[in-house]
C-alpha atoms as a PDB file:
ATOM      1  CA  UNK A   1     -11.220 150.863  60.714  1.00  0.00           C
ATOM      2  CA  UNK A   2      -8.310 148.615  61.609  1.00  0.00           C
ATOM      3  CA  UNK A   3      -7.137 145.876  59.280  1.00  0.00           C
ATOM      4  CA  UNK A   4      -5.830 142.338  59.445  1.00  0.00           C
ATOM      5  CA  UNK A   5      -4.161 141.138  62.593  1.00  0.00           C
ATOM      6  CA  UNK A   6      -4.849 144.360  64.463  1.00  0.00           C
ATOM      7  CA  UNK A   7      -8.546 143.881  63.809  1.00  0.00           C
ATOM      8  CA  UNK A   8      -8.242 140.237  64.853  1.00  0.00           C
ATOM      9  CA  UNK A   9      -6.550 141.264  68.117  1.00  0.00           C
ATOM     10  CA  UNK A  10      -9.207 143.880  68.762  1.00  0.00           C
ATOM     11  CA  UNK A  11     -11.928 141.276  68.238  1.00  0.00           C
ATOM     12  CA  UNK A  12     -10.164 138.880  70.622  1.00  0.00           C
ATOM     13  CA  UNK A  13     -10.068 141.595  73.306  1.00  0.00           C
ATOM     14  CA  UNK A  14     -13.776 142.293  72.803  1.00  0.00           C
ATOM     15  CA  UNK A  15     -14.566 138.569  73.010  1.00  0.00           C
ATOM     16  CA  UNK A  16     -12.634 138.369  76.294  1.00  0.00           C
ATOM     17  CA  UNK A  17     -14.615 141.305  77.699  1.00  0.00           C
ATOM     18  CA  UNK A  18     -17.907 139.808  76.498  1.00  0.00           C
ATOM     19  CA  UNK A  19     -17.054 136.395  77.933  1.00  0.00           C
ATOM     20  CA  UNK A  20     -16.244 137.919  81.325  1.00  0.00           C
ATOM     21  CA  UNK A  21     -19.426 139.956  81.274  1.00  0.00           C
ATOM     22  CA  UNK A  22     -21.944 137.465  79.904  1.00  0.00           C
ATOM     23  CA  UNK A  23     -20.509 133.941  80.147  1.00  0.00           C
ATOM     24  CA  UNK A  24     -18.755 133.956  83.518  1.00  0.00           C
ATOM     25  CA  UNK A  25     -21.610 132.066  85.179  1.00  0.00           C
ATOM     26  CA  UNK A  26     -21.621 129.318  82.480  1.00  0.00           C
ATOM     27  CA  UNK A  27     -19.819 126.138  83.542  1.00  0.00           C
ATOM     28  CA  UNK A  28     -18.659 125.056  80.049  1.00  0.00           C
ATOM     29  CA  UNK A  29     -19.090 125.718  76.332  1.00  0.00           C
ATOM     30  CA  UNK A  30     -18.987 123.307  73.370  1.00  0.00           C
ATOM     31  CA  UNK A  31     -16.617 124.693  70.730  1.00  0.00           C
ATOM     32  CA  UNK A  32     -15.075 122.767  67.789  1.00  0.00           C
ATOM     33  CA  UNK A  33     -15.936 119.328  69.195  1.00  0.00           C
ATOM     34  CA  UNK A  34     -14.500 120.197  72.597  1.00  0.00           C
ATOM     35  CA  UNK A  35     -15.710 121.435  75.946  1.00  0.00           C
ATOM     36  CA  UNK A  36     -14.095 124.575  77.403  1.00  0.00           C
ATOM     37  CA  UNK A  37     -14.650 126.654  80.500  1.00  0.00           C
ATOM     38  CA  UNK A  38     -14.988 130.433  80.126  1.00  0.00           C
ATOM     39  CA  UNK A  39     -11.594 130.806  81.839  1.00  0.00           C
ATOM     40  CA  UNK A  40      -9.968 128.510  79.240  1.00  0.00           C
ATOM     41  CA  UNK A  41     -11.546 130.515  76.413  1.00  0.00           C
ATOM     42  CA  UNK A  42     -10.378 133.803  77.948  1.00  0.00           C
ATOM     43  CA  UNK A  43      -6.878 132.367  78.384  1.00  0.00           C
ATOM     44  CA  UNK A  44      -6.784 131.186  74.766  1.00  0.00           C
ATOM     45  CA  UNK A  45      -7.919 134.555  73.440  1.00  0.00           C
ATOM     46  CA  UNK A  46      -5.481 136.397  75.734  1.00  0.00           C
ATOM     47  CA  UNK A  47      -2.639 134.283  74.310  1.00  0.00           C
ATOM     48  CA  UNK A  48      -3.572 135.512  70.832  1.00  0.00           C
ATOM     49  CA  UNK A  49      -3.556 139.123  72.068  1.00  0.00           C
ATOM     50  CA  UNK A  50      -0.212 138.640  73.842  1.00  0.00           C
ATOM     51  CA  UNK A  51       1.385 137.097  70.754  1.00  0.00           C
ATOM     52  CA  UNK A  52       0.330 140.081  68.606  1.00  0.00           C
ATOM     53  CA  UNK A  53       1.597 142.516  71.255  1.00  0.00           C
ATOM     54  CA  UNK A  54       4.957 140.719  71.361  1.00  0.00           C
ATOM     55  CA  UNK A  55       5.223 140.875  67.552  1.00  0.00           C
ATOM     56  CA  UNK A  56       4.375 144.585  67.519  1.00  0.00           C
ATOM     57  CA  UNK A  57       6.899 145.258  70.279  1.00  0.00           C
ATOM     58  CA  UNK A  58       9.562 143.317  68.375  1.00  0.00           C
ATOM     59  CA  UNK A  59       8.786 145.260  65.182  1.00  0.00           C
ATOM     60  CA  UNK A  60       9.123 148.538  67.084  1.00  0.00           C
ATOM     61  CA  UNK A  61      12.438 147.391  68.551  1.00  0.00           C
ATOM     62  CA  UNK A  62      13.723 146.390  65.108  1.00  0.00           C
ATOM     63  CA  UNK A  63      12.685 149.751  63.646  1.00  0.00           C
ATOM     64  CA  UNK A  64      14.487 151.521  66.477  1.00  0.00           C
ATOM     65  CA  UNK A  65      17.643 149.447  65.908  1.00  0.00           C
ATOM     66  CA  UNK A  66      17.532 150.128  62.166  1.00  0.00           C
ATOM     67  CA  UNK A  67      17.153 153.854  62.790  1.00  0.00           C
ATOM     68  CA  UNK A  68      20.058 153.738  65.259  1.00  0.00           C
ATOM     69  CA  UNK A  69      22.220 151.905  62.719  1.00  0.00           C
ATOM     70  CA  UNK A  70      21.219 154.358  59.993  1.00  0.00           C
ATOM     71  CA  UNK A  71      22.250 157.290  62.184  1.00  0.00           C
ATOM     72  CA  UNK A  72      25.498 155.915  63.590  1.00  0.00           C
ATOM     73  CA  UNK A  73      26.881 153.631  60.870  1.00  0.00           C
ATOM     74  CA  UNK A  74      28.243 156.287  58.457  1.00  0.00           C
ATOM     75  CA  UNK A  75      30.640 157.694  61.059  1.00  0.00           C
ATOM     76  CA  UNK A  76      31.670 154.201  62.142  1.00  0.00           C
ATOM     77  CA  UNK A  77      32.252 153.151  58.509  1.00  0.00           C
ATOM     78  CA  UNK A  78      34.363 156.265  58.025  1.00  0.00           C
ATOM     79  CA  UNK A  79      36.524 155.283  61.015  1.00  0.00           C
ATOM     80  CA  UNK A  80      36.816 151.750  59.646  1.00  0.00           C
ATOM     81  CA  UNK A  81      37.893 153.007  56.207  1.00  0.00           C
ATOM     82  CA  UNK A  82      40.455 155.346  57.770  1.00  0.00           C
ATOM     83  CA  UNK A  83      41.904 152.512  59.838  1.00  0.00           C
ATOM     84  CA  UNK A  84      42.054 150.223  56.782  1.00  0.00           C
ATOM     85  CA  UNK A  85      43.844 152.943  54.800  1.00  0.00           C
ATOM     86  CA  UNK A  86      46.316 153.477  57.641  1.00  0.00           C
ATOM     87  CA  UNK A  87      47.013 149.758  57.969  1.00  0.00           C
ATOM     88  CA  UNK A  88      47.515 149.421  54.189  1.00  0.00           C
ATOM     89  CA  UNK A  89      50.070 152.245  54.216  1.00  0.00           C
ATOM     90  CA  UNK A  90      51.806 151.180  57.422  1.00  0.00           C
ATOM     91  CA  UNK A  91      52.107 147.512  56.476  1.00  0.00           C
ATOM     92  CA  UNK A  92      52.168 147.691  52.664  1.00  0.00           C
ATOM     93  CA  UNK A  93      55.371 145.616  52.522  1.00  0.00           C
ATOM     94  CA  UNK A  94      54.041 142.934  54.910  1.00  0.00           C
ATOM     95  CA  UNK A  95      51.289 140.879  53.265  1.00  0.00           C
ATOM     96  CA  UNK A  96      51.098 138.539  56.267  1.00  0.00           C
ATOM     97  CA  UNK A  97      50.331 141.447  58.614  1.00  0.00           C
ATOM     98  CA  UNK A  98      47.734 142.804  56.163  1.00  0.00           C
ATOM     99  CA  UNK A  99      46.125 139.356  56.121  1.00  0.00           C
ATOM    100  CA  UNK A 100      45.873 139.498  59.932  1.00  0.00           C
ATOM    101  CA  UNK A 101      43.724 142.621  59.455  1.00  0.00           C
ATOM    102  CA  UNK A 102      41.661 140.941  56.738  1.00  0.00           C
ATOM    103  CA  UNK A 103      43.174 143.125  54.027  1.00  0.00           C
ATOM    104  CA  UNK A 104      44.841 142.146  50.777  1.00  0.00           C
ATOM    105  CA  UNK A 105      48.094 143.724  49.620  1.00  0.00           C
ATOM    106  CA  UNK A 106      47.935 146.115  46.679  1.00  0.00           C
ATOM    107  CA  UNK A 107      48.079 144.130  43.488  1.00  0.00           C
ATOM    108  CA  UNK A 108      51.235 144.847  41.518  1.00  0.00           C
ATOM    109  CA  UNK A 109      50.498 145.377  37.845  1.00  0.00           C
ATOM    110  CA  UNK A 110      52.477 143.033  35.640  1.00  0.00           C
ATOM    111  CA  UNK A 111      54.214 144.957  32.859  1.00  0.00           C
ATOM    112  CA  UNK A 112      53.162 144.038  29.323  1.00  0.00           C
ATOM    113  CA  UNK A 113      55.542 142.263  27.021  1.00  0.00           C
ATOM    114  CA  UNK A 114      56.561 143.976  23.775  1.00  0.00           C
ATOM    115  CA  UNK A 115      54.127 141.813  21.814  1.00  0.00           C
ATOM    116  CA  UNK A 116      51.258 142.591  24.216  1.00  0.00           C
ATOM    117  CA  UNK A 117      52.050 146.326  24.062  1.00  0.00           C
ATOM    118  CA  UNK A 118      52.073 146.265  20.250  1.00  0.00           C
ATOM    119  CA  UNK A 119      48.763 144.379  20.196  1.00  0.00           C
ATOM    120  CA  UNK A 120      47.221 146.863  22.643  1.00  0.00           C
ATOM    121  CA  UNK A 121      48.380 149.832  20.541  1.00  0.00           C
ATOM    122  CA  UNK A 122      46.953 148.279  17.377  1.00  0.00           C
ATOM    123  CA  UNK A 123      43.667 147.565  19.140  1.00  0.00           C
ATOM    124  CA  UNK A 124      43.450 151.175  20.400  1.00  0.00           C
ATOM    125  CA  UNK A 125      44.067 152.563  16.909  1.00  0.00           C
ATOM    126  CA  UNK A 126      41.488 150.210  15.403  1.00  0.00           C
ATOM    127  CA  UNK A 127      38.943 151.206  18.045  1.00  0.00           C
ATOM    128  CA  UNK A 128      39.519 154.934  17.411  1.00  0.00           C
ATOM    129  CA  UNK A 129      39.129 154.412  13.670  1.00  0.00           C
ATOM    130  CA  UNK A 130      36.001 152.296  14.106  1.00  0.00           C
ATOM    131  CA  UNK A 131      34.366 154.768  16.480  1.00  0.00           C
ATOM    132  CA  UNK A 132      35.565 157.750  14.431  1.00  0.00           C
ATOM    133  CA  UNK A 133      37.246 159.202  17.501  1.00  0.00           C
ATOM    134  CA  UNK A 134      39.249 162.355  16.795  1.00  0.00           C
ATOM    135  CA  UNK A 135      41.453 164.603  18.811  1.00  0.00           C
ATOM    136  CA  UNK A 136      40.926 168.358  19.194  1.00  0.00           C
ATOM    137  CA  UNK A 137      43.265 169.258  16.292  1.00  0.00           C
ATOM    138  CA  UNK A 138      41.585 166.734  13.983  1.00  0.00           C
ATOM    139  CA  UNK A 139      38.147 168.096  14.830  1.00  0.00           C
ATOM    140  CA  UNK A 140      39.240 171.654  13.902  1.00  0.00           C
ATOM    141  CA  UNK A 141      40.148 170.447  10.400  1.00  0.00           C
ATOM    142  CA  UNK A 142      36.647 169.091   9.755  1.00  0.00           C
ATOM    143  CA  UNK A 143      34.481 171.652   7.980  1.00  0.00           C
ATOM    144  CA  UNK A 144      31.001 171.289   6.542  1.00  0.00           C
ATOM    145  CA  UNK A 145      30.372 172.206   2.916  1.00  0.00           C
ATOM    146  CA  UNK A 146      27.207 173.153   1.090  1.00  0.00           C
ATOM    147  CA  UNK A 147      26.622 170.905  -1.890  1.00  0.00           C
ATOM    148  CA  UNK A 148      23.224 172.164  -3.074  1.00  0.00           C
ATOM    149  CA  UNK A 149      20.889 174.954  -2.162  1.00  0.00           C
ATOM    150  CA  UNK A 150      17.262 173.941  -1.791  1.00  0.00           C
ATOM    151  CA  UNK A 151      14.486 176.460  -2.252  1.00  0.00           C
ATOM    152  CA  UNK A 152      10.864 175.819  -1.269  1.00  0.00           C
ATOM    153  CA  UNK A 153       9.826 175.743  -4.945  1.00  0.00           C
ATOM    154  CA  UNK A 154      12.540 173.239  -5.817  1.00  0.00           C
ATOM    155  CA  UNK A 155      11.196 169.774  -6.591  1.00  0.00           C
ATOM    156  CA  UNK A 156      14.206 168.207  -4.897  1.00  0.00           C
ATOM    157  CA  UNK A 157      13.192 169.415  -1.419  1.00  0.00           C
ATOM    158  CA  UNK A 158      13.617 165.954   0.035  1.00  0.00           C
ATOM    159  CA  UNK A 159      17.412 166.028  -0.530  1.00  0.00           C
ATOM    160  CA  UNK A 160      19.649 167.438   2.230  1.00  0.00           C
ATOM    161  CA  UNK A 161      20.859 170.998   1.728  1.00  0.00           C
ATOM    162  CA  UNK A 162      24.057 170.704   3.748  1.00  0.00           C
ATOM    163  CA  UNK A 163      26.414 167.782   3.746  1.00  0.00           C
ATOM    164  CA  UNK A 164      27.224 166.536   7.253  1.00  0.00           C
ATOM    165  CA  UNK A 165      30.740 167.128   8.627  1.00  0.00           C
ATOM    166  CA  UNK A 166      31.213 163.345   8.944  1.00  0.00           C
ATOM    167  CA  UNK A 167      30.517 162.819   5.250  1.00  0.00           C
ATOM    168  CA  UNK A 168      32.700 165.783   4.375  1.00  0.00           C
ATOM    169  CA  UNK A 169      35.591 164.475   6.455  1.00  0.00           C
ATOM    170  CA  UNK A 170      35.331 161.000   4.992  1.00  0.00           C
ATOM    171  CA  UNK A 171      35.218 162.364   1.431  1.00  0.00           C
ATOM    172  CA  UNK A 172      38.367 164.405   2.133  1.00  0.00           C
ATOM    173  CA  UNK A 173      40.229 161.233   3.068  1.00  0.00           C
ATOM    174  CA  UNK A 174      40.861 162.004   6.741  1.00  0.00           C
ATOM    175  CA  UNK A 175      40.757 159.134   9.163  1.00  0.00           C
ATOM    176  CA  UNK A 176      37.818 159.318  11.470  1.00  0.00           C
ATOM    177  CA  UNK A 177      34.776 161.552  11.411  1.00  0.00           C
ATOM    178  CA  UNK A 178      32.711 163.765  13.654  1.00  0.00           C
ATOM    179  CA  UNK A 179      29.987 161.201  14.252  1.00  0.00           C
ATOM    180  CA  UNK A 180      29.007 161.102  17.934  1.00  0.00           C
ATOM    181  CA  UNK A 181      29.418 157.920  19.931  1.00  0.00           C
ATOM    182  CA  UNK A 182      26.525 155.501  19.897  1.00  0.00           C
ATOM    183  CA  UNK A 183      25.350 156.171  16.337  1.00  0.00           C
END
């Protein structure tokens, strides 16, 4: 069974056929406080059918255009990116020419002042300490130690048997620990 506007269009086509077959000899019909000839009714219903057909045709055309764009656009974008890269290299010293192509010159990084560099270094060290970030050599120094041995008959079974490497490293006085990020 068809749904919605397709069903409505199908009904309109059936009404046209029925009007031609059974109401063609009637001079006029009273519908919605108006008088209409069978030809006017057929014309009205045919307009509804034609509108739906035009919409369906337009949808099909749009789908075809979208599929065409989907198929062809990647290669065209690749060409565009290659041209942009070429233009950036060829005219890197001419910002006015780059602007003619709609491109911006490569932003030159401003060097940090001594104070800014010192602040950045301090911030990096503080972040590493806060996150317990360690290098490969620091990680090799971290070893786990057994503090107590728990047996099933021991009443202290709820206590951990092995101290974590992070706790061990912090008790040894090393900066940082082996705690993973996000904990």
